[in-house]
Amino acid sequence: MFRHSVTRDPPRKSVTRLVGAAALAFTLLLGAHTPASAQVACAKHADLVEQLGTKHAEAPIGIGLASNGGIVQVFSSEDGVTWTIVMTMPNGISCLMAAGESWELISPELFNVKGPKV
């Protein structure tokens, strides 16, 4: 009678293979959802601000300093229909980081957040 013997990998080797397979799957999934034409739009800060104002009637409503030295600004139309997040680096080049619709300002009190008043 033919007997098939199964050799088991040591637990550490199995975990390493599992982690490697998971990392590969994640990388493939991430690549599948990123369009090949996806590029970050960048321009001189003044030009970008002018374009946001002209094309979308957006103006700055918030600003902060990022840990990489860049300045992050949130732009929104007055009615909140459109919004854009921009990062400007010390060299004056600004890049669009995110954009969307239906911006709404909220109050920290709604979430019982303690800190500076907005």
PDB file of N, CA and C in Angstrom:
ATOM      1  N   MET A   1       0.833  -1.171   0.000  1.00  0.00           N
ATOM      2  CA  MET A   1       0.000   0.000   0.000  1.00  0.00           C
ATOM      3  C   MET A   1       0.882   1.239   0.000  1.00  0.00           C
ATOM      4  N   PHE A   2       0.535   2.203  -0.839  1.00  0.00           N
ATOM      5  CA  PHE A   2       1.305   3.444  -0.943  1.00  0.00           C
ATOM      6  C   PHE A   2       0.906   4.383   0.178  1.00  0.00           C
ATOM      7  N   ARG A   3       1.898   4.870   0.864  1.00  0.00           N
ATOM      8  CA  ARG A   3       1.650   5.805   1.952  1.00  0.00           C
ATOM      9  C   ARG A   3       2.229   7.153   1.608  1.00  0.00           C
ATOM     10  N   HIS A   4       1.421   8.161   1.757  1.00  0.00           N
ATOM     11  CA  HIS A   4       1.873   9.524   1.481  1.00  0.00           C
ATOM     12  C   HIS A   4       2.229  10.179   2.806  1.00  0.00           C
ATOM     13  N   SER A   5       3.453  10.567   2.929  1.00  0.00           N
ATOM     14  CA  SER A   5       3.840  11.227   4.182  1.00  0.00           C
ATOM     15  C   SER A   5       3.844  12.734   3.978  1.00  0.00           C
ATOM     16  N   VAL A   6       3.347  13.431   4.955  1.00  0.00           N
ATOM     17  CA  VAL A   6       3.288  14.885   4.916  1.00  0.00           C
ATOM     18  C   VAL A   6       4.324  15.416   5.878  1.00  0.00           C
ATOM     19  N   THR A   7       5.200  16.247   5.351  1.00  0.00           N
ATOM     20  CA  THR A   7       6.179  16.886   6.237  1.00  0.00           C
ATOM     21  C   THR A   7       5.672  18.279   6.543  1.00  0.00           C
ATOM     22  N   ARG A   8       5.731  18.627   7.762  1.00  0.00           N
ATOM     23  CA  ARG A   8       5.266  19.947   8.177  1.00  0.00           C
ATOM     24  C   ARG A   8       6.452  20.879   8.327  1.00  0.00           C
ATOM     25  N   ASP A   9       6.229  22.115   7.892  1.00  0.00           N
ATOM     26  CA  ASP A   9       7.240  23.143   8.097  1.00  0.00           C
ATOM     27  C   ASP A   9       7.249  23.522   9.566  1.00  0.00           C
ATOM     28  N   PRO A  10       8.410  23.902  10.065  1.00  0.00           N
ATOM     29  CA  PRO A  10       8.424  24.413  11.434  1.00  0.00           C
ATOM     30  C   PRO A  10       7.496  25.619  11.521  1.00  0.00           C
ATOM     31  N   PRO A  11       6.892  25.884  12.696  1.00  0.00           N
ATOM     32  CA  PRO A  11       5.930  26.983  12.831  1.00  0.00           C
ATOM     33  C   PRO A  11       6.462  28.323  12.345  1.00  0.00           C
ATOM     34  N   ARG A  12       7.706  28.622  12.604  1.00  0.00           N
ATOM     35  CA  ARG A  12       8.266  29.916  12.199  1.00  0.00           C
ATOM     36  C   ARG A  12       8.263  30.056  10.683  1.00  0.00           C
ATOM     37  N   LYS A  13       8.604  28.999   9.982  1.00  0.00           N
ATOM     38  CA  LYS A  13       8.635  29.028   8.526  1.00  0.00           C
ATOM     39  C   LYS A  13       7.227  29.220   7.963  1.00  0.00           C
ATOM     40  N   SER A  14       6.235  28.577   8.561  1.00  0.00           N
ATOM     41  CA  SER A  14       4.851  28.725   8.110  1.00  0.00           C
ATOM     42  C   SER A  14       4.363  30.150   8.297  1.00  0.00           C
ATOM     43  N   VAL A  15       4.683  30.746   9.436  1.00  0.00           N
ATOM     44  CA  VAL A  15       4.272  32.123   9.706  1.00  0.00           C
ATOM     45  C   VAL A  15       4.938  33.064   8.712  1.00  0.00           C
ATOM     46  N   THR A  16       6.214  32.849   8.432  1.00  0.00           N
ATOM     47  CA  THR A  16       6.929  33.685   7.474  1.00  0.00           C
ATOM     48  C   THR A  16       6.281  33.593   6.096  1.00  0.00           C
ATOM     49  N   ARG A  17       5.930  32.388   5.689  1.00  0.00           N
ATOM     50  CA  ARG A  17       5.270  32.212   4.389  1.00  0.00           C
ATOM     51  C   ARG A  17       3.905  32.898   4.373  1.00  0.00           C
ATOM     52  N   LEU A  18       3.161  32.777   5.467  1.00  0.00           N
ATOM     53  CA  LEU A  18       1.843  33.399   5.556  1.00  0.00           C
ATOM     54  C   LEU A  18       1.949  34.918   5.473  1.00  0.00           C
ATOM     55  N   VAL A  19       2.893  35.493   6.204  1.00  0.00           N
ATOM     56  CA  VAL A  19       3.086  36.945   6.177  1.00  0.00           C
ATOM     57  C   VAL A  19       3.514  37.389   4.777  1.00  0.00           C
ATOM     58  N   GLY A  20       4.406  36.643   4.165  1.00  0.00           N
ATOM     59  CA  GLY A  20       4.845  36.974   2.806  1.00  0.00           C
ATOM     60  C   GLY A  20       3.700  36.923   1.808  1.00  0.00           C
ATOM     61  N   ALA A  21       2.860  35.903   1.916  1.00  0.00           N
ATOM     62  CA  ALA A  21       1.711  35.782   1.013  1.00  0.00           C
ATOM     63  C   ALA A  21       0.726  36.925   1.235  1.00  0.00           C
ATOM     64  N   ALA A  22       0.506  37.284   2.494  1.00  0.00           N
ATOM     65  CA  ALA A  22      -0.407  38.390   2.796  1.00  0.00           C
ATOM     66  C   ALA A  22       0.137  39.703   2.245  1.00  0.00           C
ATOM     67  N   ALA A  23       1.438  39.927   2.392  1.00  0.00           N
ATOM     68  CA  ALA A  23       2.049  41.157   1.877  1.00  0.00           C
ATOM     69  C   ALA A  23       1.939  41.220   0.353  1.00  0.00           C
ATOM     70  N   LEU A  24       2.165  40.102  -0.303  1.00  0.00           N
ATOM     71  CA  LEU A  24       2.048  40.053  -1.759  1.00  0.00           C
ATOM     72  C   LEU A  24       0.606  40.331  -2.196  1.00  0.00           C
ATOM     73  N   ALA A  25      -0.351  39.716  -1.526  1.00  0.00           N
ATOM     74  CA  ALA A  25      -1.759  39.936  -1.867  1.00  0.00           C
ATOM     75  C   ALA A  25      -2.142  41.400  -1.670  1.00  0.00           C
ATOM     76  N   PHE A  26      -1.696  41.996  -0.570  1.00  0.00           N
ATOM     77  CA  PHE A  26      -1.996  43.406  -0.299  1.00  0.00           C
ATOM     78  C   PHE A  26      -1.413  44.297  -1.388  1.00  0.00           C
ATOM     79  N   THR A  27      -0.166  44.027  -1.776  1.00  0.00           N
ATOM     80  CA  THR A  27       0.488  44.816  -2.819  1.00  0.00           C
ATOM     81  C   THR A  27      -0.259  44.698  -4.143  1.00  0.00           C
ATOM     82  N   LEU A  28      -0.671  43.496  -4.493  1.00  0.00           N
ATOM     83  CA  LEU A  28      -1.405  43.296  -5.741  1.00  0.00           C
ATOM     84  C   LEU A  28      -2.760  43.992  -5.709  1.00  0.00           C
ATOM     85  N   LEU A  29      -3.450  43.909  -4.582  1.00  0.00           N
ATOM     86  CA  LEU A  29      -4.746  44.586  -4.459  1.00  0.00           C
ATOM     87  C   LEU A  29      -4.587  46.090  -4.522  1.00  0.00           C
ATOM     88  N   LEU A  30      -3.567  46.604  -3.868  1.00  0.00           N
ATOM     89  CA  LEU A  30      -3.326  48.043  -3.873  1.00  0.00           C
ATOM     90  C   LEU A  30      -3.058  48.521  -5.292  1.00  0.00           C
ATOM     91  N   GLY A  31      -2.253  47.784  -6.020  1.00  0.00           N
ATOM     92  CA  GLY A  31      -1.949  48.146  -7.401  1.00  0.00           C
ATOM     93  C   GLY A  31      -3.162  48.050  -8.307  1.00  0.00           C
ATOM     94  N   ALA A  32      -4.046  47.114  -8.026  1.00  0.00           N
ATOM     95  CA  ALA A  32      -5.235  46.936  -8.858  1.00  0.00           C
ATOM     96  C   ALA A  32      -6.214  48.093  -8.725  1.00  0.00           C
ATOM     97  N   HIS A  33      -6.199  48.764  -7.589  1.00  0.00           N
ATOM     98  CA  HIS A  33      -7.143  49.856  -7.372  1.00  0.00           C
ATOM     99  C   HIS A  33      -6.556  51.223  -7.664  1.00  0.00           C
ATOM    100  N   THR A  34      -5.302  51.292  -8.062  1.00  0.00           N
ATOM    101  CA  THR A  34      -4.675  52.564  -8.375  1.00  0.00           C
ATOM    102  C   THR A  34      -4.611  52.722  -9.883  1.00  0.00           C
ATOM    103  N   PRO A  35      -5.329  53.706 -10.436  1.00  0.00           N
ATOM    104  CA  PRO A  35      -5.285  53.892 -11.880  1.00  0.00           C
ATOM    105  C   PRO A  35      -3.878  54.237 -12.349  1.00  0.00           C
ATOM    106  N   ALA A  36      -3.512  53.748 -13.510  1.00  0.00           N
ATOM    107  CA  ALA A  36      -2.176  54.012 -14.040  1.00  0.00           C
ATOM    108  C   ALA A  36      -1.957  55.499 -14.268  1.00  0.00           C
ATOM    109  N   SER A  37      -3.030  56.219 -14.540  1.00  0.00           N
ATOM    110  CA  SER A  37      -2.897  57.644 -14.823  1.00  0.00           C
ATOM    111  C   SER A  37      -2.950  58.511 -13.569  1.00  0.00           C
ATOM    112  N   ALA A  38      -3.048  57.887 -12.379  1.00  0.00           N
ATOM    113  CA  ALA A  38      -3.150  58.668 -11.145  1.00  0.00           C
ATOM    114  C   ALA A  38      -1.838  59.392 -10.878  1.00  0.00           C
ATOM    115  N   GLN A  39      -1.899  60.703 -10.911  1.00  0.00           N
ATOM    116  CA  GLN A  39      -0.739  61.526 -10.627  1.00  0.00           C
ATOM    117  C   GLN A  39      -1.172  62.654  -9.717  1.00  0.00           C
ATOM    118  N   VAL A  40      -0.250  63.117  -8.896  1.00  0.00           N
ATOM    119  CA  VAL A  40      -0.540  64.242  -8.024  1.00  0.00           C
ATOM    120  C   VAL A  40      -0.385  65.519  -8.836  1.00  0.00           C
ATOM    121  N   ALA A  41      -1.403  66.379  -8.797  1.00  0.00           N
ATOM    122  CA  ALA A  41      -1.362  67.652  -9.517  1.00  0.00           C
ATOM    123  C   ALA A  41      -0.656  68.685  -8.651  1.00  0.00           C
ATOM    124  N   CYS A  42       0.420  69.264  -9.162  1.00  0.00           N
ATOM    125  CA  CYS A  42       1.201  70.259  -8.424  1.00  0.00           C
ATOM    126  C   CYS A  42       1.397  71.509  -9.285  1.00  0.00           C
ATOM    127  N   ALA A  43       1.510  72.649  -8.615  1.00  0.00           N
ATOM    128  CA  ALA A  43       1.738  73.922  -9.304  1.00  0.00           C
ATOM    129  C   ALA A  43       2.251  74.930  -8.280  1.00  0.00           C
ATOM    130  N   LYS A  44       2.632  76.109  -8.757  1.00  0.00           N
ATOM    131  CA  LYS A  44       3.001  77.180  -7.835  1.00  0.00           C
ATOM    132  C   LYS A  44       1.789  77.497  -6.972  1.00  0.00           C
ATOM    133  N   HIS A  45       2.037  77.802  -5.697  1.00  0.00           N
ATOM    134  CA  HIS A  45       0.941  78.018  -4.753  1.00  0.00           C
ATOM    135  C   HIS A  45      -0.049  79.069  -5.252  1.00  0.00           C
ATOM    136  N   ALA A  46       0.442  80.215  -5.699  1.00  0.00           N
ATOM    137  CA  ALA A  46      -0.450  81.293  -6.152  1.00  0.00           C
ATOM    138  C   ALA A  46      -1.326  80.838  -7.319  1.00  0.00           C
ATOM    139  N   ASP A  47      -0.742  80.076  -8.251  1.00  0.00           N
ATOM    140  CA  ASP A  47      -1.509  79.594  -9.404  1.00  0.00           C
ATOM    141  C   ASP A  47      -2.598  78.612  -8.976  1.00  0.00           C
ATOM    142  N   LEU A  48      -2.254  77.720  -8.044  1.00  0.00           N
ATOM    143  CA  LEU A  48      -3.215  76.730  -7.575  1.00  0.00           C
ATOM    144  C   LEU A  48      -4.372  77.393  -6.825  1.00  0.00           C
ATOM    145  N   VAL A  49      -4.052  78.362  -5.959  1.00  0.00           N
ATOM    146  CA  VAL A  49      -5.086  79.083  -5.209  1.00  0.00           C
ATOM    147  C   VAL A  49      -6.011  79.825  -6.171  1.00  0.00           C
ATOM    148  N   GLU A  50      -5.428  80.457  -7.186  1.00  0.00           N
ATOM    149  CA  GLU A  50      -6.241  81.178  -8.173  1.00  0.00           C
ATOM    150  C   GLU A  50      -7.174  80.222  -8.909  1.00  0.00           C
ATOM    151  N   GLN A  51      -6.652  79.072  -9.292  1.00  0.00           N
ATOM    152  CA  GLN A  51      -7.465  78.104 -10.027  1.00  0.00           C
ATOM    153  C   GLN A  51      -8.596  77.546  -9.159  1.00  0.00           C
ATOM    154  N   LEU A  52      -8.309  77.257  -7.884  1.00  0.00           N
ATOM    155  CA  LEU A  52      -9.364  76.763  -6.996  1.00  0.00           C
ATOM    156  C   LEU A  52     -10.460  77.814  -6.817  1.00  0.00           C
ATOM    157  N   GLY A  53     -10.054  79.074  -6.727  1.00  0.00           N
ATOM    158  CA  GLY A  53     -11.026  80.152  -6.578  1.00  0.00           C
ATOM    159  C   GLY A  53     -11.846  80.375  -7.831  1.00  0.00           C
ATOM    160  N   THR A  54     -11.184  80.350  -8.976  1.00  0.00           N
ATOM    161  CA  THR A  54     -11.855  80.618 -10.248  1.00  0.00           C
ATOM    162  C   THR A  54     -12.754  79.464 -10.690  1.00  0.00           C
ATOM    163  N   LYS A  55     -12.223  78.243 -10.679  1.00  0.00           N
ATOM    164  CA  LYS A  55     -12.972  77.094 -11.194  1.00  0.00           C
ATOM    165  C   LYS A  55     -14.002  76.544 -10.215  1.00  0.00           C
ATOM    166  N   HIS A  56     -13.704  76.619  -8.911  1.00  0.00           N
ATOM    167  CA  HIS A  56     -14.573  75.959  -7.931  1.00  0.00           C
ATOM    168  C   HIS A  56     -15.111  76.894  -6.849  1.00  0.00           C
ATOM    169  N   ALA A  57     -14.770  78.183  -6.924  1.00  0.00           N
ATOM    170  CA  ALA A  57     -15.185  79.165  -5.908  1.00  0.00           C
ATOM    171  C   ALA A  57     -14.764  78.724  -4.511  1.00  0.00           C
ATOM    172  N   GLU A  58     -13.558  78.125  -4.413  1.00  0.00           N
ATOM    173  CA  GLU A  58     -13.054  77.661  -3.125  1.00  0.00           C
ATOM    174  C   GLU A  58     -12.075  78.665  -2.535  1.00  0.00           C
ATOM    175  N   ALA A  59     -12.131  78.790  -1.220  1.00  0.00           N
ATOM    176  CA  ALA A  59     -11.226  79.667  -0.477  1.00  0.00           C
ATOM    177  C   ALA A  59     -10.702  78.885   0.726  1.00  0.00           C
ATOM    178  N   PRO A  60      -9.535  79.291   1.272  1.00  0.00           N
ATOM    179  CA  PRO A  60      -8.990  78.571   2.424  1.00  0.00           C
ATOM    180  C   PRO A  60      -9.900  78.702   3.652  1.00  0.00           C
ATOM    181  N   ILE A  61     -10.122  77.570   4.340  1.00  0.00           N
ATOM    182  CA  ILE A  61     -10.910  77.588   5.574  1.00  0.00           C
ATOM    183  C   ILE A  61     -10.144  76.996   6.752  1.00  0.00           C
ATOM    184  N   GLY A  62      -8.961  76.439   6.483  1.00  0.00           N
ATOM    185  CA  GLY A  62      -8.147  75.864   7.551  1.00  0.00           C
ATOM    186  C   GLY A  62      -6.717  75.716   7.095  1.00  0.00           C
ATOM    187  N   ILE A  63      -5.795  75.737   8.060  1.00  0.00           N
ATOM    188  CA  ILE A  63      -4.367  75.638   7.736  1.00  0.00           C
ATOM    189  C   ILE A  63      -3.644  74.970   8.901  1.00  0.00           C
ATOM    190  N   GLY A  64      -2.585  74.233   8.583  1.00  0.00           N
ATOM    191  CA  GLY A  64      -1.782  73.584   9.613  1.00  0.00           C
ATOM    192  C   GLY A  64      -0.403  73.250   9.082  1.00  0.00           C
ATOM    193  N   LEU A  65       0.509  72.964   9.986  1.00  0.00           N
ATOM    194  CA  LEU A  65       1.882  72.619   9.630  1.00  0.00           C
ATOM    195  C   LEU A  65       2.055  71.109   9.716  1.00  0.00           C
ATOM    196  N   ALA A  66       2.488  70.495   8.624  1.00  0.00           N
ATOM    197  CA  ALA A  66       2.711  69.050   8.583  1.00  0.00           C
ATOM    198  C   ALA A  66       4.078  68.715   9.168  1.00  0.00           C
ATOM    199  N   SER A  67       4.252  67.479   9.592  1.00  0.00           N
ATOM    200  CA  SER A  67       5.511  67.055  10.207  1.00  0.00           C
ATOM    201  C   SER A  67       6.684  67.089   9.230  1.00  0.00           C
ATOM    202  N   ASN A  68       6.416  67.088   7.924  1.00  0.00           N
ATOM    203  CA  ASN A  68       7.492  67.142   6.930  1.00  0.00           C
ATOM    204  C   ASN A  68       7.868  68.568   6.545  1.00  0.00           C
ATOM    205  N   GLY A  69       7.313  69.569   7.251  1.00  0.00           N
ATOM    206  CA  GLY A  69       7.633  70.965   6.969  1.00  0.00           C
ATOM    207  C   GLY A  69       6.694  71.625   5.982  1.00  0.00           C
ATOM    208  N   GLY A  70       5.785  70.866   5.422  1.00  0.00           N
ATOM    209  CA  GLY A  70       4.818  71.428   4.488  1.00  0.00           C
ATOM    210  C   GLY A  70       3.664  72.095   5.217  1.00  0.00           C
ATOM    211  N   ILE A  71       2.976  72.951   4.505  1.00  0.00           N
ATOM    212  CA  ILE A  71       1.784  73.604   5.037  1.00  0.00           C
ATOM    213  C   ILE A  71       0.579  72.940   4.390  1.00  0.00           C
ATOM    214  N   VAL A  72      -0.350  72.488   5.212  1.00  0.00           N
ATOM    215  CA  VAL A  72      -1.569  71.852   4.721  1.00  0.00           C
ATOM    216  C   VAL A  72      -2.706  72.858   4.824  1.00  0.00           C
ATOM    217  N   GLN A  73      -3.431  73.029   3.729  1.00  0.00           N
ATOM    218  CA  GLN A  73      -4.575  73.933   3.710  1.00  0.00           C
ATOM    219  C   GLN A  73      -5.810  73.178   3.250  1.00  0.00           C
ATOM    220  N   VAL A  74      -6.932  73.518   3.853  1.00  0.00           N
ATOM    221  CA  VAL A  74      -8.219  73.001   3.405  1.00  0.00           C
ATOM    222  C   VAL A  74      -8.946  74.161   2.743  1.00  0.00           C
ATOM    223  N   PHE A  75      -9.387  73.942   1.523  1.00  0.00           N
ATOM    224  CA  PHE A  75     -10.169  74.920   0.767  1.00  0.00           C
ATOM    225  C   PHE A  75     -11.584  74.369   0.646  1.00  0.00           C
ATOM    226  N   SER A  76     -12.560  75.255   0.654  1.00  0.00           N
ATOM    227  CA  SER A  76     -13.945  74.834   0.466  1.00  0.00           C
ATOM    228  C   SER A  76     -14.723  75.949  -0.208  1.00  0.00           C
ATOM    229  N   SER A  77     -15.719  75.553  -0.978  1.00  0.00           N
ATOM    230  CA  SER A  77     -16.647  76.559  -1.498  1.00  0.00           C
ATOM    231  C   SER A  77     -17.502  77.031  -0.323  1.00  0.00           C
ATOM    232  N   GLU A  78     -18.079  78.210  -0.452  1.00  0.00           N
ATOM    233  CA  GLU A  78     -18.844  78.789   0.656  1.00  0.00           C
ATOM    234  C   GLU A  78     -19.982  77.878   1.109  1.00  0.00           C
ATOM    235  N   ASP A  79     -20.622  77.209   0.163  1.00  0.00           N
ATOM    236  CA  ASP A  79     -21.735  76.322   0.504  1.00  0.00           C
ATOM    237  C   ASP A  79     -21.282  74.895   0.821  1.00  0.00           C
ATOM    238  N   GLY A  80     -19.968  74.628   0.726  1.00  0.00           N
ATOM    239  CA  GLY A  80     -19.438  73.308   1.049  1.00  0.00           C
ATOM    240  C   GLY A  80     -19.665  72.258  -0.014  1.00  0.00           C
ATOM    241  N   VAL A  81     -20.137  72.669  -1.183  1.00  0.00           N
ATOM    242  CA  VAL A  81     -20.394  71.697  -2.245  1.00  0.00           C
ATOM    243  C   VAL A  81     -19.095  71.005  -2.660  1.00  0.00           C
ATOM    244  N   THR A  82     -17.989  71.757  -2.758  1.00  0.00           N
ATOM    245  CA  THR A  82     -16.692  71.159  -3.098  1.00  0.00           C
ATOM    246  C   THR A  82     -15.653  71.548  -2.062  1.00  0.00           C
ATOM    247  N   TRP A  83     -14.617  70.711  -1.915  1.00  0.00           N
ATOM    248  CA  TRP A  83     -13.500  70.993  -1.020  1.00  0.00           C
ATOM    249  C   TRP A  83     -12.234  70.374  -1.597  1.00  0.00           C
ATOM    250  N   THR A  84     -11.085  70.924  -1.175  1.00  0.00           N
ATOM    251  CA  THR A  84      -9.783  70.453  -1.643  1.00  0.00           C
ATOM    252  C   THR A  84      -8.785  70.572  -0.504  1.00  0.00           C
ATOM    253  N   ILE A  85      -7.911  69.572  -0.360  1.00  0.00           N
ATOM    254  CA  ILE A  85      -6.810  69.634   0.601  1.00  0.00           C
ATOM    255  C   ILE A  85      -5.524  69.771  -0.199  1.00  0.00           C
ATOM    256  N   VAL A  86      -4.734  70.783   0.160  1.00  0.00           N
ATOM    257  CA  VAL A  86      -3.510  71.130  -0.566  1.00  0.00           C
ATOM    258  C   VAL A  86      -2.332  71.102   0.398  1.00  0.00           C
ATOM    259  N   MET A  87      -1.193  70.577  -0.050  1.00  0.00           N
ATOM    260  CA  MET A  87       0.043  70.669   0.730  1.00  0.00           C
ATOM    261  C   MET A  87       1.033  71.520  -0.046  1.00  0.00           C
ATOM    262  N   THR A  88       1.584  72.525   0.631  1.00  0.00           N
ATOM    263  CA  THR A  88       2.580  73.407   0.029  1.00  0.00           C
ATOM    264  C   THR A  88       3.910  73.174   0.720  1.00  0.00           C
ATOM    265  N   MET A  89       4.938  72.906  -0.067  1.00  0.00           N
ATOM    266  CA  MET A  89       6.272  72.668   0.474  1.00  0.00           C
ATOM    267  C   MET A  89       7.037  73.989   0.559  1.00  0.00           C
ATOM    268  N   PRO A  90       8.144  74.009   1.312  1.00  0.00           N
ATOM    269  CA  PRO A  90       8.907  75.252   1.475  1.00  0.00           C
ATOM    270  C   PRO A  90       9.362  75.887   0.161  1.00  0.00           C
ATOM    271  N   ASN A  91       9.475  75.108  -0.907  1.00  0.00           N
ATOM    272  CA  ASN A  91       9.898  75.671  -2.196  1.00  0.00           C
ATOM    273  C   ASN A  91       8.760  76.392  -2.924  1.00  0.00           C
ATOM    274  N   GLY A  92       7.559  76.444  -2.316  1.00  0.00           N
ATOM    275  CA  GLY A  92       6.441  77.166  -2.911  1.00  0.00           C
ATOM    276  C   GLY A  92       5.571  76.346  -3.843  1.00  0.00           C
ATOM    277  N   ILE A  93       5.906  75.073  -4.029  1.00  0.00           N
ATOM    278  CA  ILE A  93       5.100  74.205  -4.887  1.00  0.00           C
ATOM    279  C   ILE A  93       3.996  73.571  -4.047  1.00  0.00           C
ATOM    280  N   SER A  94       2.768  73.669  -4.551  1.00  0.00           N
ATOM    281  CA  SER A  94       1.603  73.105  -3.868  1.00  0.00           C
ATOM    282  C   SER A  94       1.079  71.915  -4.654  1.00  0.00           C
ATOM    283  N   CYS A  95       0.636  70.898  -3.931  1.00  0.00           N
ATOM    284  CA  CYS A  95       0.096  69.696  -4.567  1.00  0.00           C
ATOM    285  C   CYS A  95      -1.274  69.371  -3.987  1.00  0.00           C
ATOM    286  N   LEU A  96      -2.190  68.959  -4.860  1.00  0.00           N
ATOM    287  CA  LEU A  96      -3.511  68.528  -4.419  1.00  0.00           C
ATOM    288  C   LEU A  96      -3.376  67.168  -3.748  1.00  0.00           C
ATOM    289  N   MET A  97      -3.852  67.063  -2.522  1.00  0.00           N
ATOM    290  CA  MET A  97      -3.759  65.809  -1.783  1.00  0.00           C
ATOM    291  C   MET A  97      -5.081  65.043  -1.805  1.00  0.00           C
ATOM    292  N   ALA A  98      -6.183  65.790  -1.794  1.00  0.00           N
ATOM    293  CA  ALA A  98      -7.513  65.168  -1.822  1.00  0.00           C
ATOM    294  C   ALA A  98      -8.527  66.218  -2.239  1.00  0.00           C
ATOM    295  N   ALA A  99      -9.630  65.765  -2.768  1.00  0.00           N
ATOM    296  CA  ALA A  99     -10.722  66.667  -3.147  1.00  0.00           C
ATOM    297  C   ALA A  99     -12.016  65.884  -3.070  1.00  0.00           C
ATOM    298  N   GLY A 100     -13.104  66.608  -2.849  1.00  0.00           N
ATOM    299  CA  GLY A 100     -14.373  65.908  -2.753  1.00  0.00           C
ATOM    300  C   GLY A 100     -15.546  66.860  -2.698  1.00  0.00           C
ATOM    301  N   GLU A 101     -16.637  66.346  -2.185  1.00  0.00           N
ATOM    302  CA  GLU A 101     -17.887  67.099  -2.121  1.00  0.00           C
ATOM    303  C   GLU A 101     -18.463  67.042  -0.713  1.00  0.00           C
ATOM    304  N   SER A 102     -19.400  67.936  -0.448  1.00  0.00           N
ATOM    305  CA  SER A 102     -20.186  67.957   0.787  1.00  0.00           C
ATOM    306  C   SER A 102     -19.340  68.189   2.037  1.00  0.00           C
ATOM    307  N   TRP A 103     -18.526  69.242   2.026  1.00  0.00           N
ATOM    308  CA  TRP A 103     -17.733  69.602   3.204  1.00  0.00           C
ATOM    309  C   TRP A 103     -18.657  70.204   4.248  1.00  0.00           C
ATOM    310  N   GLU A 104     -18.452  69.812   5.494  1.00  0.00           N
ATOM    311  CA  GLU A 104     -19.268  70.350   6.575  1.00  0.00           C
ATOM    312  C   GLU A 104     -18.384  70.602   7.785  1.00  0.00           C
ATOM    313  N   LEU A 105     -18.448  71.809   8.316  1.00  0.00           N
ATOM    314  CA  LEU A 105     -17.728  72.123   9.541  1.00  0.00           C
ATOM    315  C   LEU A 105     -18.508  71.558  10.716  1.00  0.00           C
ATOM    316  N   ILE A 106     -17.783  70.942  11.646  1.00  0.00           N
ATOM    317  CA  ILE A 106     -18.439  70.400  12.830  1.00  0.00           C
ATOM    318  C   ILE A 106     -17.824  71.017  14.071  1.00  0.00           C
ATOM    319  N   SER A 107     -18.538  70.956  15.147  1.00  0.00           N
ATOM    320  CA  SER A 107     -18.076  71.510  16.407  1.00  0.00           C
ATOM    321  C   SER A 107     -17.485  70.393  17.265  1.00  0.00           C
ATOM    322  N   PRO A 108     -16.307  70.622  17.887  1.00  0.00           N
ATOM    323  CA  PRO A 108     -15.719  69.593  18.751  1.00  0.00           C
ATOM    324  C   PRO A 108     -16.649  69.191  19.900  1.00  0.00           C
ATOM    325  N   GLU A 109     -17.533  70.093  20.318  1.00  0.00           N
ATOM    326  CA  GLU A 109     -18.451  69.780  21.407  1.00  0.00           C
ATOM    327  C   GLU A 109     -19.378  68.612  21.054  1.00  0.00           C
ATOM    328  N   LEU A 110     -19.636  68.429  19.770  1.00  0.00           N
ATOM    329  CA  LEU A 110     -20.493  67.324  19.351  1.00  0.00           C
ATOM    330  C   LEU A 110     -19.904  65.974  19.729  1.00  0.00           C
ATOM    331  N   PHE A 111     -18.584  65.917  19.840  1.00  0.00           N
ATOM    332  CA  PHE A 111     -17.903  64.662  20.131  1.00  0.00           C
ATOM    333  C   PHE A 111     -17.241  64.673  21.497  1.00  0.00           C
ATOM    334  N   ASN A 112     -17.592  65.664  22.325  1.00  0.00           N
ATOM    335  CA  ASN A 112     -17.053  65.787  23.670  1.00  0.00           C
ATOM    336  C   ASN A 112     -15.525  65.865  23.659  1.00  0.00           C
ATOM    337  N   VAL A 113     -14.977  66.585  22.680  1.00  0.00           N
ATOM    338  CA  VAL A 113     -13.532  66.751  22.560  1.00  0.00           C
ATOM    339  C   VAL A 113     -13.115  67.971  23.352  1.00  0.00           C
ATOM    340  N   LYS A 114     -12.091  67.800  24.184  1.00  0.00           N
ATOM    341  CA  LYS A 114     -11.580  68.935  24.946  1.00  0.00           C
ATOM    342  C   LYS A 114     -10.340  69.450  24.243  1.00  0.00           C
ATOM    343  N   GLY A 115     -10.217  70.736  24.175  1.00  0.00           N
ATOM    344  CA  GLY A 115      -9.071  71.343  23.511  1.00  0.00           C
ATOM    345  C   GLY A 115      -9.408  72.758  23.132  1.00  0.00           C
ATOM    346  N   PRO A 116      -8.591  73.367  22.282  1.00  0.00           N
ATOM    347  CA  PRO A 116      -8.840  74.754  21.895  1.00  0.00           C
ATOM    348  C   PRO A 116     -10.176  74.900  21.179  1.00  0.00           C
ATOM    349  N   LYS A 117     -10.846  75.984  21.455  1.00  0.00           N
ATOM    350  CA  LYS A 117     -12.123  76.266  20.789  1.00  0.00           C
ATOM    351  C   LYS A 117     -11.866  76.639  19.338  1.00  0.00           C
ATOM    352  N   VAL A 118     -12.676  76.126  18.459  1.00  0.00           N
ATOM    353  CA  VAL A 118     -12.547  76.410  17.030  1.00  0.00           C
ATOM    354  C   VAL A 118     -13.454  77.557  16.675  1.00  0.00           C
TER     355      VAL A 118
END
